[in-house]
Amino acid sequence: METTRQSKVCRLIQKELSEIFLFQTKSMNGVLVSVSAVRISPDMSIVRAYLSVFPSAKAEDIVKNINANSKAIRYELGNRVRHQLRIIPELKFFVDDSLDYVERIDELLKK
């Protein structure tokens, strides 16, 4: 159960990360990265961000690249939210495959 503060911080981080990824993926034609969910630890030191990547075939490679550059993304996030948060949490990114899962279930139900 998240506290009110945790949910507010999650929404703030999700909004800012979405803007960061939107800006960074403009140069990559045909790739779209969106932040589908953000979860934060109770002590607000670790953030788990779930990314939805289109096309999904490139999802693993893109998320691996994003995790490799997480320090630069954390720095950019820190510049954007430095007046709202005292400590910028550590970022961990994961592939959100819920859309692929729903698509697979639909295919199985149609058979």
PDB file of N, CA and C in Angstrom:
ATOM      1  N   MET A   1       0.841  -1.177   0.000  1.00  0.00           N
ATOM      2  CA  MET A   1       0.000   0.000   0.000  1.00  0.00           C
ATOM      3  C   MET A   1       0.885   1.239   0.000  1.00  0.00           C
ATOM      4  N   GLU A   2       0.752   2.051  -1.033  1.00  0.00           N
ATOM      5  CA  GLU A   2       1.558   3.268  -1.139  1.00  0.00           C
ATOM      6  C   GLU A   2       0.943   4.392  -0.318  1.00  0.00           C
ATOM      7  N   THR A   3       1.807   5.194   0.256  1.00  0.00           N
ATOM      8  CA  THR A   3       1.330   6.380   0.953  1.00  0.00           C
ATOM      9  C   THR A   3       1.010   7.462  -0.071  1.00  0.00           C
ATOM     10  N   THR A   4       0.366   8.515   0.394  1.00  0.00           N
ATOM     11  CA  THR A   4       0.024   9.626  -0.497  1.00  0.00           C
ATOM     12  C   THR A   4       1.283  10.263  -1.054  1.00  0.00           C
ATOM     13  N   ARG A   5       2.289  10.418  -0.224  1.00  0.00           N
ATOM     14  CA  ARG A   5       3.553  11.015  -0.671  1.00  0.00           C
ATOM     15  C   ARG A   5       4.198  10.151  -1.746  1.00  0.00           C
ATOM     16  N   GLN A   6       4.219   8.848  -1.545  1.00  0.00           N
ATOM     17  CA  GLN A   6       4.810   7.959  -2.542  1.00  0.00           C
ATOM     18  C   GLN A   6       4.083   8.062  -3.874  1.00  0.00           C
ATOM     19  N   SER A   7       2.773   8.090  -3.849  1.00  0.00           N
ATOM     20  CA  SER A   7       2.032   8.158  -5.111  1.00  0.00           C
ATOM     21  C   SER A   7       2.254   9.496  -5.816  1.00  0.00           C
ATOM     22  N   LYS A   8       2.367  10.589  -5.061  1.00  0.00           N
ATOM     23  CA  LYS A   8       2.647  11.889  -5.678  1.00  0.00           C
ATOM     24  C   LYS A   8       4.033  11.911  -6.306  1.00  0.00           C
ATOM     25  N   VAL A   9       5.012  11.348  -5.614  1.00  0.00           N
ATOM     26  CA  VAL A   9       6.375  11.302  -6.148  1.00  0.00           C
ATOM     27  C   VAL A   9       6.427  10.405  -7.377  1.00  0.00           C
ATOM     28  N   CYS A  10       5.686   9.289  -7.352  1.00  0.00           N
ATOM     29  CA  CYS A  10       5.633   8.395  -8.522  1.00  0.00           C
ATOM     30  C   CYS A  10       5.063   9.108  -9.733  1.00  0.00           C
ATOM     31  N   ARG A  11       3.980   9.853  -9.547  1.00  0.00           N
ATOM     32  CA  ARG A  11       3.383  10.585 -10.670  1.00  0.00           C
ATOM     33  C   ARG A  11       4.336  11.645 -11.207  1.00  0.00           C
ATOM     34  N   LEU A  12       5.032  12.347 -10.307  1.00  0.00           N
ATOM     35  CA  LEU A  12       5.997  13.368 -10.736  1.00  0.00           C
ATOM     36  C   LEU A  12       7.125  12.740 -11.545  1.00  0.00           C
ATOM     37  N   ILE A  13       7.684  11.645 -11.035  1.00  0.00           N
ATOM     38  CA  ILE A  13       8.798  10.984 -11.725  1.00  0.00           C
ATOM     39  C   ILE A  13       8.329  10.406 -13.057  1.00  0.00           C
ATOM     40  N   GLN A  14       7.132   9.833 -13.100  1.00  0.00           N
ATOM     41  CA  GLN A  14       6.610   9.282 -14.349  1.00  0.00           C
ATOM     42  C   GLN A  14       6.456  10.376 -15.401  1.00  0.00           C
ATOM     43  N   LYS A  15       5.939  11.511 -15.011  1.00  0.00           N
ATOM     44  CA  LYS A  15       5.755  12.630 -15.945  1.00  0.00           C
ATOM     45  C   LYS A  15       7.091  13.114 -16.482  1.00  0.00           C
ATOM     46  N   GLU A  16       8.049  13.313 -15.597  1.00  0.00           N
ATOM     47  CA  GLU A  16       9.353  13.831 -16.018  1.00  0.00           C
ATOM     48  C   GLU A  16      10.117  12.817 -16.856  1.00  0.00           C
ATOM     49  N   LEU A  17      10.087  11.537 -16.485  1.00  0.00           N
ATOM     50  CA  LEU A  17      10.763  10.516 -17.295  1.00  0.00           C
ATOM     51  C   LEU A  17      10.133  10.405 -18.675  1.00  0.00           C
ATOM     52  N   SER A  18       8.814  10.540 -18.753  1.00  0.00           N
ATOM     53  CA  SER A  18       8.142  10.498 -20.050  1.00  0.00           C
ATOM     54  C   SER A  18       8.622  11.621 -20.949  1.00  0.00           C
ATOM     55  N   GLU A  19       8.771  12.808 -20.389  1.00  0.00           N
ATOM     56  CA  GLU A  19       9.264  13.941 -21.179  1.00  0.00           C
ATOM     57  C   GLU A  19      10.713  13.730 -21.605  1.00  0.00           C
ATOM     58  N   ILE A  20      11.528  13.178 -20.713  1.00  0.00           N
ATOM     59  CA  ILE A  20      12.936  12.910 -21.046  1.00  0.00           C
ATOM     60  C   ILE A  20      13.016  11.916 -22.208  1.00  0.00           C
ATOM     61  N   PHE A  21      12.252  10.809 -22.130  1.00  0.00           N
ATOM     62  CA  PHE A  21      12.296   9.801 -23.188  1.00  0.00           C
ATOM     63  C   PHE A  21      11.691  10.307 -24.482  1.00  0.00           C
ATOM     64  N   LEU A  22      10.676  11.144 -24.397  1.00  0.00           N
ATOM     65  CA  LEU A  22      10.090  11.728 -25.602  1.00  0.00           C
ATOM     66  C   LEU A  22      11.125  12.580 -26.327  1.00  0.00           C
ATOM     67  N   PHE A  23      11.867  13.370 -25.567  1.00  0.00           N
ATOM     68  CA  PHE A  23      12.907  14.221 -26.156  1.00  0.00           C
ATOM     69  C   PHE A  23      14.041  13.389 -26.747  1.00  0.00           C
ATOM     70  N   GLN A  24      14.453  12.325 -26.052  1.00  0.00           N
ATOM     71  CA  GLN A  24      15.581  11.513 -26.501  1.00  0.00           C
ATOM     72  C   GLN A  24      15.235  10.631 -27.698  1.00  0.00           C
ATOM     73  N   THR A  25      13.987  10.198 -27.821  1.00  0.00           N
ATOM     74  CA  THR A  25      13.636   9.293 -28.917  1.00  0.00           C
ATOM     75  C   THR A  25      13.177  10.021 -30.173  1.00  0.00           C
ATOM     76  N   LYS A  26      13.151  11.338 -30.152  1.00  0.00           N
ATOM     77  CA  LYS A  26      12.788  12.072 -31.370  1.00  0.00           C
ATOM     78  C   LYS A  26      13.783  11.805 -32.488  1.00  0.00           C
ATOM     79  N   SER A  27      15.049  11.612 -32.131  1.00  0.00           N
ATOM     80  CA  SER A  27      16.069  11.380 -33.149  1.00  0.00           C
ATOM     81  C   SER A  27      16.039   9.946 -33.685  1.00  0.00           C
ATOM     82  N   MET A  28      15.406   9.030 -32.956  1.00  0.00           N
ATOM     83  CA  MET A  28      15.328   7.629 -33.381  1.00  0.00           C
ATOM     84  C   MET A  28      14.017   7.424 -34.128  1.00  0.00           C
ATOM     85  N   ASN A  29      14.080   7.303 -35.431  1.00  0.00           N
ATOM     86  CA  ASN A  29      12.868   7.148 -36.242  1.00  0.00           C
ATOM     87  C   ASN A  29      12.232   5.790 -36.001  1.00  0.00           C
ATOM     88  N   GLY A  30      10.932   5.781 -35.784  1.00  0.00           N
ATOM     89  CA  GLY A  30      10.199   4.538 -35.637  1.00  0.00           C
ATOM     90  C   GLY A  30      10.262   3.902 -34.276  1.00  0.00           C
ATOM     91  N   VAL A  31      10.773   4.603 -33.264  1.00  0.00           N
ATOM     92  CA  VAL A  31      10.861   4.054 -31.913  1.00  0.00           C
ATOM     93  C   VAL A  31      10.090   4.962 -30.972  1.00  0.00           C
ATOM     94  N   LEU A  32       9.258   4.346 -30.138  1.00  0.00           N
ATOM     95  CA  LEU A  32       8.482   5.092 -29.159  1.00  0.00           C
ATOM     96  C   LEU A  32       8.662   4.436 -27.798  1.00  0.00           C
ATOM     97  N   VAL A  33       9.082   5.214 -26.810  1.00  0.00           N
ATOM     98  CA  VAL A  33       9.263   4.721 -25.445  1.00  0.00           C
ATOM     99  C   VAL A  33       8.337   5.514 -24.541  1.00  0.00           C
ATOM    100  N   SER A  34       7.489   4.801 -23.805  1.00  0.00           N
ATOM    101  CA  SER A  34       6.612   5.469 -22.851  1.00  0.00           C
ATOM    102  C   SER A  34       6.750   4.805 -21.485  1.00  0.00           C
ATOM    103  N   VAL A  35       6.554   5.593 -20.448  1.00  0.00           N
ATOM    104  CA  VAL A  35       6.651   5.103 -19.085  1.00  0.00           C
ATOM    105  C   VAL A  35       5.247   4.695 -18.654  1.00  0.00           C
ATOM    106  N   SER A  36       5.019   3.382 -18.511  1.00  0.00           N
ATOM    107  CA  SER A  36       3.674   2.913 -18.199  1.00  0.00           C
ATOM    108  C   SER A  36       3.385   2.895 -16.706  1.00  0.00           C
ATOM    109  N   ALA A  37       4.400   2.658 -15.881  1.00  0.00           N
ATOM    110  CA  ALA A  37       4.193   2.632 -14.430  1.00  0.00           C
ATOM    111  C   ALA A  37       5.491   2.952 -13.722  1.00  0.00           C
ATOM    112  N   VAL A  38       5.358   3.545 -12.539  1.00  0.00           N
ATOM    113  CA  VAL A  38       6.509   3.849 -11.694  1.00  0.00           C
ATOM    114  C   VAL A  38       6.176   3.405 -10.284  1.00  0.00           C
ATOM    115  N   ARG A  39       7.076   2.654  -9.678  1.00  0.00           N
ATOM    116  CA  ARG A  39       6.920   2.223  -8.287  1.00  0.00           C
ATOM    117  C   ARG A  39       8.143   2.707  -7.516  1.00  0.00           C
ATOM    118  N   ILE A  40       7.929   3.167  -6.295  1.00  0.00           N
ATOM    119  CA  ILE A  40       9.018   3.688  -5.484  1.00  0.00           C
ATOM    120  C   ILE A  40       9.058   2.919  -4.170  1.00  0.00           C
ATOM    121  N   SER A  41      10.264   2.707  -3.667  1.00  0.00           N
ATOM    122  CA  SER A  41      10.426   1.997  -2.406  1.00  0.00           C
ATOM    123  C   SER A  41       9.908   2.862  -1.252  1.00  0.00           C
ATOM    124  N   PRO A  42       9.557   2.254  -0.126  1.00  0.00           N
ATOM    125  CA  PRO A  42       9.026   3.038   1.005  1.00  0.00           C
ATOM    126  C   PRO A  42       9.966   4.125   1.519  1.00  0.00           C
ATOM    127  N   ASP A  43      11.283   3.901   1.416  1.00  0.00           N
ATOM    128  CA  ASP A  43      12.223   4.930   1.857  1.00  0.00           C
ATOM    129  C   ASP A  43      12.572   5.916   0.743  1.00  0.00           C
ATOM    130  N   MET A  44      11.923   5.777  -0.415  1.00  0.00           N
ATOM    131  CA  MET A  44      12.071   6.657  -1.574  1.00  0.00           C
ATOM    132  C   MET A  44      13.506   6.738  -2.092  1.00  0.00           C
ATOM    133  N   SER A  45      14.209   5.615  -2.047  1.00  0.00           N
ATOM    134  CA  SER A  45      15.578   5.604  -2.536  1.00  0.00           C
ATOM    135  C   SER A  45      15.725   4.874  -3.865  1.00  0.00           C
ATOM    136  N   ILE A  46      14.762   4.025  -4.203  1.00  0.00           N
ATOM    137  CA  ILE A  46      14.844   3.248  -5.442  1.00  0.00           C
ATOM    138  C   ILE A  46      13.527   3.362  -6.189  1.00  0.00           C
ATOM    139  N   VAL A  47      13.620   3.650  -7.483  1.00  0.00           N
ATOM    140  CA  VAL A  47      12.451   3.729  -8.352  1.00  0.00           C
ATOM    141  C   VAL A  47      12.539   2.618  -9.376  1.00  0.00           C
ATOM    142  N   ARG A  48      11.437   1.901  -9.551  1.00  0.00           N
ATOM    143  CA  ARG A  48      11.312   0.883 -10.593  1.00  0.00           C
ATOM    144  C   ARG A  48      10.368   1.456 -11.639  1.00  0.00           C
ATOM    145  N   ALA A  49      10.896   1.741 -12.810  1.00  0.00           N
ATOM    146  CA  ALA A  49      10.100   2.312 -13.898  1.00  0.00           C
ATOM    147  C   ALA A  49       9.882   1.236 -14.959  1.00  0.00           C
ATOM    148  N   TYR A  50       8.622   1.068 -15.353  1.00  0.00           N
ATOM    149  CA  TYR A  50       8.259   0.082 -16.361  1.00  0.00           C
ATOM    150  C   TYR A  50       8.017   0.803 -17.681  1.00  0.00           C
ATOM    151  N   LEU A  51       8.771   0.391 -18.700  1.00  0.00           N
ATOM    152  CA  LEU A  51       8.747   1.066 -19.995  1.00  0.00           C
ATOM    153  C   LEU A  51       8.043   0.210 -21.035  1.00  0.00           C
ATOM    154  N   SER A  52       7.187   0.867 -21.790  1.00  0.00           N
ATOM    155  CA  SER A  52       6.532   0.233 -22.922  1.00  0.00           C
ATOM    156  C   SER A  52       7.223   0.743 -24.180  1.00  0.00           C
ATOM    157  N   VAL A  53       7.757  -0.176 -24.975  1.00  0.00           N
ATOM    158  CA  VAL A  53       8.563   0.184 -26.144  1.00  0.00           C
ATOM    159  C   VAL A  53       7.869  -0.304 -27.404  1.00  0.00           C
ATOM    160  N   PHE A  54       7.804   0.581 -28.396  1.00  0.00           N
ATOM    161  CA  PHE A  54       7.280   0.209 -29.707  1.00  0.00           C
ATOM    162  C   PHE A  54       8.367   0.450 -30.732  1.00  0.00           C
ATOM    163  N   PRO A  55       8.731  -0.466 -31.551  1.00  0.00           N
ATOM    164  CA  PRO A  55       8.243  -1.830 -31.694  1.00  0.00           C
ATOM    165  C   PRO A  55       8.775  -2.731 -30.586  1.00  0.00           C
ATOM    166  N   SER A  56       7.957  -3.691 -30.189  1.00  0.00           N
ATOM    167  CA  SER A  56       8.306  -4.534 -29.038  1.00  0.00           C
ATOM    168  C   SER A  56       9.480  -5.465 -29.323  1.00  0.00           C
ATOM    169  N   ALA A  57       9.836  -5.657 -30.587  1.00  0.00           N
ATOM    170  CA  ALA A  57      10.988  -6.507 -30.915  1.00  0.00           C
ATOM    171  C   ALA A  57      12.293  -5.882 -30.418  1.00  0.00           C
ATOM    172  N   LYS A  58      12.341  -4.559 -30.339  1.00  0.00           N
ATOM    173  CA  LYS A  58      13.550  -3.868 -29.901  1.00  0.00           C
ATOM    174  C   LYS A  58      13.541  -3.563 -28.404  1.00  0.00           C
ATOM    175  N   ALA A  59      12.516  -4.002 -27.684  1.00  0.00           N
ATOM    176  CA  ALA A  59      12.324  -3.599 -26.290  1.00  0.00           C
ATOM    177  C   ALA A  59      13.498  -3.973 -25.393  1.00  0.00           C
ATOM    178  N   GLU A  60      13.956  -5.209 -25.481  1.00  0.00           N
ATOM    179  CA  GLU A  60      15.046  -5.661 -24.604  1.00  0.00           C
ATOM    180  C   GLU A  60      16.318  -4.849 -24.822  1.00  0.00           C
ATOM    181  N   ASP A  61      16.675  -4.614 -26.091  1.00  0.00           N
ATOM    182  CA  ASP A  61      17.884  -3.855 -26.392  1.00  0.00           C
ATOM    183  C   ASP A  61      17.785  -2.411 -25.913  1.00  0.00           C
ATOM    184  N   ILE A  62      16.623  -1.801 -26.111  1.00  0.00           N
ATOM    185  CA  ILE A  62      16.457  -0.401 -25.723  1.00  0.00           C
ATOM    186  C   ILE A  62      16.490  -0.253 -24.212  1.00  0.00           C
ATOM    187  N   VAL A  63      15.815  -1.147 -23.488  1.00  0.00           N
ATOM    188  CA  VAL A  63      15.816  -1.064 -22.020  1.00  0.00           C
ATOM    189  C   VAL A  63      17.210  -1.360 -21.463  1.00  0.00           C
ATOM    190  N   LYS A  64      17.938  -2.266 -22.096  1.00  0.00           N
ATOM    191  CA  LYS A  64      19.308  -2.545 -21.662  1.00  0.00           C
ATOM    192  C   LYS A  64      20.182  -1.303 -21.847  1.00  0.00           C
ATOM    193  N   ASN A  65      19.998  -0.601 -22.970  1.00  0.00           N
ATOM    194  CA  ASN A  65      20.731   0.634 -23.233  1.00  0.00           C
ATOM    195  C   ASN A  65      20.338   1.726 -22.225  1.00  0.00           C
ATOM    196  N   ILE A  66      19.064   1.819 -21.916  1.00  0.00           N
ATOM    197  CA  ILE A  66      18.594   2.820 -20.950  1.00  0.00           C
ATOM    198  C   ILE A  66      19.170   2.530 -19.568  1.00  0.00           C
ATOM    199  N   ASN A  67      19.198   1.252 -19.166  1.00  0.00           N
ATOM    200  CA  ASN A  67      19.786   0.903 -17.866  1.00  0.00           C
ATOM    201  C   ASN A  67      21.278   1.219 -17.827  1.00  0.00           C
ATOM    202  N   ALA A  68      21.961   1.055 -18.966  1.00  0.00           N
ATOM    203  CA  ALA A  68      23.389   1.385 -19.020  1.00  0.00           C
ATOM    204  C   ALA A  68      23.608   2.890 -18.853  1.00  0.00           C
ATOM    205  N   ASN A  69      22.645   3.702 -19.296  1.00  0.00           N
ATOM    206  CA  ASN A  69      22.757   5.161 -19.198  1.00  0.00           C
ATOM    207  C   ASN A  69      21.895   5.736 -18.081  1.00  0.00           C
ATOM    208  N   SER A  70      21.601   4.936 -17.064  1.00  0.00           N
ATOM    209  CA  SER A  70      20.689   5.388 -16.007  1.00  0.00           C
ATOM    210  C   SER A  70      21.267   6.535 -15.189  1.00  0.00           C
ATOM    211  N   LYS A  71      22.592   6.629 -15.086  1.00  0.00           N
ATOM    212  CA  LYS A  71      23.178   7.738 -14.325  1.00  0.00           C
ATOM    213  C   LYS A  71      22.943   9.078 -15.022  1.00  0.00           C
ATOM    214  N   ALA A  72      23.050   9.099 -16.336  1.00  0.00           N
ATOM    215  CA  ALA A  72      22.787  10.332 -17.082  1.00  0.00           C
ATOM    216  C   ALA A  72      21.307  10.704 -16.998  1.00  0.00           C
ATOM    217  N   ILE A  73      20.437   9.700 -17.047  1.00  0.00           N
ATOM    218  CA  ILE A  73      19.002   9.954 -16.946  1.00  0.00           C
ATOM    219  C   ILE A  73      18.665  10.451 -15.543  1.00  0.00           C
ATOM    220  N   ARG A  74      19.304   9.884 -14.531  1.00  0.00           N
ATOM    221  CA  ARG A  74      19.088  10.338 -13.143  1.00  0.00           C
ATOM    222  C   ARG A  74      19.538  11.784 -12.981  1.00  0.00           C
ATOM    223  N   TYR A  75      20.644  12.142 -13.611  1.00  0.00           N
ATOM    224  CA  TYR A  75      21.140  13.525 -13.550  1.00  0.00           C
ATOM    225  C   TYR A  75      20.137  14.481 -14.198  1.00  0.00           C
ATOM    226  N   GLU A  76      19.614  14.102 -15.363  1.00  0.00           N
ATOM    227  CA  GLU A  76      18.623  14.926 -16.050  1.00  0.00           C
ATOM    228  C   GLU A  76      17.352  15.042 -15.212  1.00  0.00           C
ATOM    229  N   LEU A  77      16.930  13.931 -14.621  1.00  0.00           N
ATOM    230  CA  LEU A  77      15.751  13.950 -13.753  1.00  0.00           C
ATOM    231  C   LEU A  77      15.999  14.854 -12.540  1.00  0.00           C
ATOM    232  N   GLY A  78      17.203  14.788 -11.998  1.00  0.00           N
ATOM    233  CA  GLY A  78      17.555  15.633 -10.856  1.00  0.00           C
ATOM    234  C   GLY A  78      17.491  17.108 -11.193  1.00  0.00           C
ATOM    235  N   ASN A  79      17.914  17.471 -12.384  1.00  0.00           N
ATOM    236  CA  ASN A  79      17.825  18.869 -12.807  1.00  0.00           C
ATOM    237  C   ASN A  79      16.376  19.326 -12.913  1.00  0.00           C
ATOM    238  N   ARG A  80      15.485  18.414 -13.292  1.00  0.00           N
ATOM    239  CA  ARG A  80      14.082  18.786 -13.487  1.00  0.00           C
ATOM    240  C   ARG A  80      13.293  18.851 -12.180  1.00  0.00           C
ATOM    241  N   VAL A  81      13.622  17.998 -11.206  1.00  0.00           N
ATOM    242  CA  VAL A  81      12.819  17.920  -9.975  1.00  0.00           C
ATOM    243  C   VAL A  81      13.590  18.357  -8.732  1.00  0.00           C
ATOM    244  N   ARG A  82      14.652  19.091  -8.900  1.00  0.00           N
ATOM    245  CA  ARG A  82      15.488  19.443  -7.752  1.00  0.00           C
ATOM    246  C   ARG A  82      14.773  20.319  -6.732  1.00  0.00           C
ATOM    247  N   HIS A  83      13.735  21.015  -7.141  1.00  0.00           N
ATOM    248  CA  HIS A  83      13.012  21.861  -6.193  1.00  0.00           C
ATOM    249  C   HIS A  83      11.889  21.103  -5.483  1.00  0.00           C
ATOM    250  N   GLN A  84      11.510  19.930  -6.002  1.00  0.00           N
ATOM    251  CA  GLN A  84      10.446  19.153  -5.379  1.00  0.00           C
ATOM    252  C   GLN A  84      10.972  18.030  -4.486  1.00  0.00           C
ATOM    253  N   LEU A  85      12.129  17.458  -4.856  1.00  0.00           N
ATOM    254  CA  LEU A  85      12.682  16.328  -4.110  1.00  0.00           C
ATOM    255  C   LEU A  85      14.049  16.668  -3.538  1.00  0.00           C
ATOM    256  N   ARG A  86      14.289  16.227  -2.321  1.00  0.00           N
ATOM    257  CA  ARG A  86      15.584  16.470  -1.696  1.00  0.00           C
ATOM    258  C   ARG A  86      16.629  15.482  -2.217  1.00  0.00           C
ATOM    259  N   ILE A  87      16.236  14.205  -2.303  1.00  0.00           N
ATOM    260  CA  ILE A  87      17.148  13.160  -2.767  1.00  0.00           C
ATOM    261  C   ILE A  87      16.547  12.543  -4.027  1.00  0.00           C
ATOM    262  N   ILE A  88      17.359  12.466  -5.074  1.00  0.00           N
ATOM    263  CA  ILE A  88      16.913  11.861  -6.331  1.00  0.00           C
ATOM    264  C   ILE A  88      17.144  10.351  -6.219  1.00  0.00           C
ATOM    265  N   PRO A  89      16.084   9.548  -6.370  1.00  0.00           N
ATOM    266  CA  PRO A  89      16.227   8.100  -6.187  1.00  0.00           C
ATOM    267  C   PRO A  89      17.020   7.432  -7.309  1.00  0.00           C
ATOM    268  N   GLU A  90      17.537   6.266  -6.991  1.00  0.00           N
ATOM    269  CA  GLU A  90      18.229   5.436  -7.978  1.00  0.00           C
ATOM    270  C   GLU A  90      17.182   4.872  -8.930  1.00  0.00           C
ATOM    271  N   LEU A  91      17.505   4.838 -10.216  1.00  0.00           N
ATOM    272  CA  LEU A  91      16.547   4.422 -11.236  1.00  0.00           C
ATOM    273  C   LEU A  91      16.865   3.025 -11.754  1.00  0.00           C
ATOM    274  N   LYS A  92      15.826   2.195 -11.841  1.00  0.00           N
ATOM    275  CA  LYS A  92      15.940   0.873 -12.451  1.00  0.00           C
ATOM    276  C   LYS A  92      14.793   0.747 -13.449  1.00  0.00           C
ATOM    277  N   PHE A  93      15.116   0.313 -14.658  1.00  0.00           N
ATOM    278  CA  PHE A  93      14.128   0.251 -15.730  1.00  0.00           C
ATOM    279  C   PHE A  93      13.858  -1.194 -16.117  1.00  0.00           C
ATOM    280  N   PHE A  94      12.576  -1.471 -16.392  1.00  0.00           N
ATOM    281  CA  PHE A  94      12.142  -2.812 -16.764  1.00  0.00           C
ATOM    282  C   PHE A  94      11.188  -2.709 -17.947  1.00  0.00           C
ATOM    283  N   VAL A  95      11.111  -3.801 -18.720  1.00  0.00           N
ATOM    284  CA  VAL A  95      10.204  -3.849 -19.866  1.00  0.00           C
ATOM    285  C   VAL A  95       8.799  -4.150 -19.354  1.00  0.00           C
ATOM    286  N   ASP A  96       7.841  -3.349 -19.784  1.00  0.00           N
ATOM    287  CA  ASP A  96       6.436  -3.602 -19.472  1.00  0.00           C
ATOM    288  C   ASP A  96       5.844  -4.351 -20.651  1.00  0.00           C
ATOM    289  N   ASP A  97       5.620  -5.631 -20.466  1.00  0.00           N
ATOM    290  CA  ASP A  97       5.114  -6.460 -21.559  1.00  0.00           C
ATOM    291  C   ASP A  97       3.634  -6.788 -21.383  1.00  0.00           C
ATOM    292  N   SER A  98       2.915  -5.964 -20.665  1.00  0.00           N
ATOM    293  CA  SER A  98       1.498  -6.237 -20.431  1.00  0.00           C
ATOM    294  C   SER A  98       0.680  -6.175 -21.720  1.00  0.00           C
ATOM    295  N   LEU A  99       1.039  -5.273 -22.646  1.00  0.00           N
ATOM    296  CA  LEU A  99       0.313  -5.202 -23.921  1.00  0.00           C
ATOM    297  C   LEU A  99       0.535  -6.456 -24.755  1.00  0.00           C
ATOM    298  N   ASP A 100       1.758  -6.976 -24.762  1.00  0.00           N
ATOM    299  CA  ASP A 100       2.032  -8.227 -25.474  1.00  0.00           C
ATOM    300  C   ASP A 100       1.268  -9.387 -24.845  1.00  0.00           C
ATOM    301  N   TYR A 101       1.166  -9.365 -23.522  1.00  0.00           N
ATOM    302  CA  TYR A 101       0.441 -10.409 -22.803  1.00  0.00           C
ATOM    303  C   TYR A 101      -1.046 -10.384 -23.168  1.00  0.00           C
ATOM    304  N   VAL A 102      -1.636  -9.193 -23.209  1.00  0.00           N
ATOM    305  CA  VAL A 102      -3.043  -9.047 -23.574  1.00  0.00           C
ATOM    306  C   VAL A 102      -3.267  -9.503 -25.013  1.00  0.00           C
ATOM    307  N   GLU A 103      -2.358  -9.156 -25.901  1.00  0.00           N
ATOM    308  CA  GLU A 103      -2.455  -9.559 -27.302  1.00  0.00           C
ATOM    309  C   GLU A 103      -2.412 -11.081 -27.434  1.00  0.00           C
ATOM    310  N   ARG A 104      -1.535 -11.705 -26.678  1.00  0.00           N
ATOM    311  CA  ARG A 104      -1.397 -13.168 -26.703  1.00  0.00           C
ATOM    312  C   ARG A 104      -2.666 -13.838 -26.193  1.00  0.00           C
ATOM    313  N   ILE A 105      -3.250 -13.306 -25.124  1.00  0.00           N
ATOM    314  CA  ILE A 105      -4.491 -13.863 -24.589  1.00  0.00           C
ATOM    315  C   ILE A 105      -5.618 -13.745 -25.609  1.00  0.00           C
ATOM    316  N   ASP A 106      -5.707 -12.587 -26.283  1.00  0.00           N
ATOM    317  CA  ASP A 106      -6.715 -12.398 -27.323  1.00  0.00           C
ATOM    318  C   ASP A 106      -6.573 -13.429 -28.442  1.00  0.00           C
ATOM    319  N   GLU A 107      -5.331 -13.672 -28.850  1.00  0.00           N
ATOM    320  CA  GLU A 107      -5.084 -14.660 -29.905  1.00  0.00           C
ATOM    321  C   GLU A 107      -5.530 -16.048 -29.465  1.00  0.00           C
ATOM    322  N   LEU A 108      -5.254 -16.404 -28.226  1.00  0.00           N
ATOM    323  CA  LEU A 108      -5.635 -17.724 -27.730  1.00  0.00           C
ATOM    324  C   LEU A 108      -7.150 -17.869 -27.606  1.00  0.00           C
ATOM    325  N   LEU A 109      -7.820 -16.787 -27.243  1.00  0.00           N
ATOM    326  CA  LEU A 109      -9.274 -16.851 -27.110  1.00  0.00           C
ATOM    327  C   LEU A 109      -9.991 -16.909 -28.458  1.00  0.00           C
ATOM    328  N   LYS A 110      -9.373 -16.382 -29.508  1.00  0.00           N
ATOM    329  CA  LYS A 110      -9.990 -16.409 -30.838  1.00  0.00           C
ATOM    330  C   LYS A 110      -9.942 -17.794 -31.471  1.00  0.00           C
ATOM    331  N   LYS A 111      -9.036 -18.640 -31.023  1.00  0.00           N
ATOM    332  CA  LYS A 111      -8.891 -19.978 -31.612  1.00  0.00           C
ATOM    333  C   LYS A 111     -10.000 -20.897 -31.209  1.00  0.00           C
TER     334      LYS A 111
END
